[in-house]
Structures are given as structure tokens and as C-alpha cells.
């Protein structure tokens, strides 16, 4: 969860993917990252990025709401919920 002084650090153990949300910044670390896609609750794609390497960081400018973050790495894919307040 991120925005307005709210943060979280979630580790997806199976693939060793670290996801950090703080204020308006999304950071992802893992091995063999391939892609990142963010969807709103209506299934509309709000952000997409092809990744390579082991880390990625970006500033997001999304309105308040609940989002689904999908990360694909060399071992498969994982999803996580993100709340922007």
C-alpha cells in the first residue's frame, strides 16, 4: 500500500520478489524480472512495462483506489493488491 505516508514491503517467498510501495514510488527486486502490469478493479490496464534484470523503480501517478499488480519473472508470475489512498 502506498501514498500519503503509507508504505508496505511485501516479499513473495516462492520467487524471491520484493515489492516496495512508498508514497508514489513502486520498487521491485527479484531475479530475472520480465514484466510489470497494473490493473484497476475493472480490469483496465493502467500501467505496463517490460523489465529486464533484477530491479525496477518508477514513480506512479494513479488516482486513489485498489489495484492489482502482476509481476512476471523467470519462474512464473505473481500478483499483489495495492491500495492508493
Protein backbone atom coordinates (compact mmCIF):
# COMPACT_ATOMS: atom_id res chain seq x y z
CA UNK A 1 0.00 0.00 0.00
CA UNK A 2 1.32 3.43 -0.69
CA UNK A 3 0.64 7.15 -0.88
CA UNK A 4 0.25 9.73 1.88
CA UNK A 5 2.89 8.35 4.28
CA UNK A 6 1.62 4.76 3.97
CA UNK A 7 4.08 2.08 2.96
CA UNK A 8 4.50 -1.67 2.79
CA UNK A 9 7.24 -4.12 1.98
CA UNK A 10 5.95 -7.46 0.75
CA UNK A 11 8.13 -10.40 -0.21
CA UNK A 12 6.77 -13.13 -2.41
CA UNK A 13 8.77 -16.03 -0.99
CA UNK A 14 8.46 -18.56 -3.82
CA UNK A 15 10.12 -16.33 -6.41
CA UNK A 16 12.03 -14.06 -4.03
CA UNK A 17 10.34 -10.94 -5.42
CA UNK A 18 10.40 -7.88 -3.18
CA UNK A 19 7.73 -5.22 -3.78
CA UNK A 20 8.01 -1.88 -2.01
CA UNK A 21 5.38 0.88 -2.27
CA UNK A 22 6.06 4.22 -0.66
CA UNK A 23 4.27 7.45 -1.46
CA UNK A 24 4.20 7.48 -5.26
CA UNK A 25 7.13 5.10 -5.87
CA UNK A 26 6.98 1.43 -6.79
CA UNK A 27 10.17 -0.62 -6.40
CA UNK A 28 10.52 -4.27 -7.43
CA UNK A 29 13.52 -6.52 -6.89
CA UNK A 30 13.94 -10.14 -7.91
CA UNK A 31 15.82 -12.45 -10.25
CA UNK A 32 15.06 -12.37 -13.95
CA UNK A 33 12.22 -9.83 -13.90
CA UNK A 34 10.32 -9.80 -17.21
CA UNK A 35 7.22 -7.61 -16.93
CA UNK A 36 5.06 -5.49 -14.65
CA UNK A 37 1.38 -4.74 -15.29
CA UNK A 38 -1.02 -2.80 -13.04
CA UNK A 39 -4.79 -3.17 -13.43
CA UNK A 40 -7.66 -1.33 -11.77
CA UNK A 41 -10.57 -3.29 -10.31
CA UNK A 42 -12.47 -3.06 -13.60
CA UNK A 43 -9.66 -4.95 -15.33
CA UNK A 44 -8.42 -1.89 -17.22
CA UNK A 45 -4.66 -1.88 -17.68
CA UNK A 46 -3.33 1.29 -16.02
CA UNK A 47 0.44 0.70 -16.37
CA UNK A 48 2.66 -1.73 -18.24
CA UNK A 49 6.42 -2.11 -18.50
CA UNK A 50 8.74 -4.75 -19.98
CA UNK A 51 11.50 -5.42 -17.47
CA UNK A 52 14.95 -6.93 -17.59
CA UNK A 53 17.46 -7.51 -14.87
CA UNK A 54 16.90 -7.79 -11.15
CA UNK A 55 15.40 -4.45 -10.09
CA UNK A 56 13.00 -1.76 -11.25
CA UNK A 57 11.76 1.51 -9.76
CA UNK A 58 9.25 4.04 -11.06
CA UNK A 59 7.04 6.87 -9.91
CA UNK A 60 3.36 6.14 -10.48
CA UNK A 61 0.65 8.73 -10.90
CA UNK A 62 -2.56 6.78 -10.32
CA UNK A 63 -5.76 8.01 -8.68
CA UNK A 64 -6.98 6.67 -5.33
CA UNK A 65 -8.21 3.11 -5.43
CA UNK A 66 -7.39 -0.58 -5.28
CA UNK A 67 -5.10 -2.01 -7.95
CA UNK A 68 -3.75 -5.41 -8.90
CA UNK A 69 -0.01 -5.61 -9.63
CA UNK A 70 1.13 -8.53 -11.77
CA UNK A 71 4.85 -9.29 -11.97
CA UNK A 72 6.33 -11.91 -14.28
CA UNK A 73 9.81 -13.27 -13.64
CA UNK A 74 11.82 -16.23 -14.92
CA UNK A 75 9.98 -18.59 -12.52
CA UNK A 76 6.39 -17.56 -13.27
CA UNK A 77 4.01 -14.79 -12.30
CA UNK A 78 2.76 -13.30 -9.04
CA UNK A 79 0.04 -10.81 -8.20
CA UNK A 80 -0.37 -8.41 -5.31
CA UNK A 81 -3.02 -5.90 -4.26
CA UNK A 82 -2.13 -2.22 -3.91
CA UNK A 83 -4.26 0.42 -2.19
CA UNK A 84 -3.60 4.03 -3.08
CA UNK A 85 -5.06 6.41 -0.51
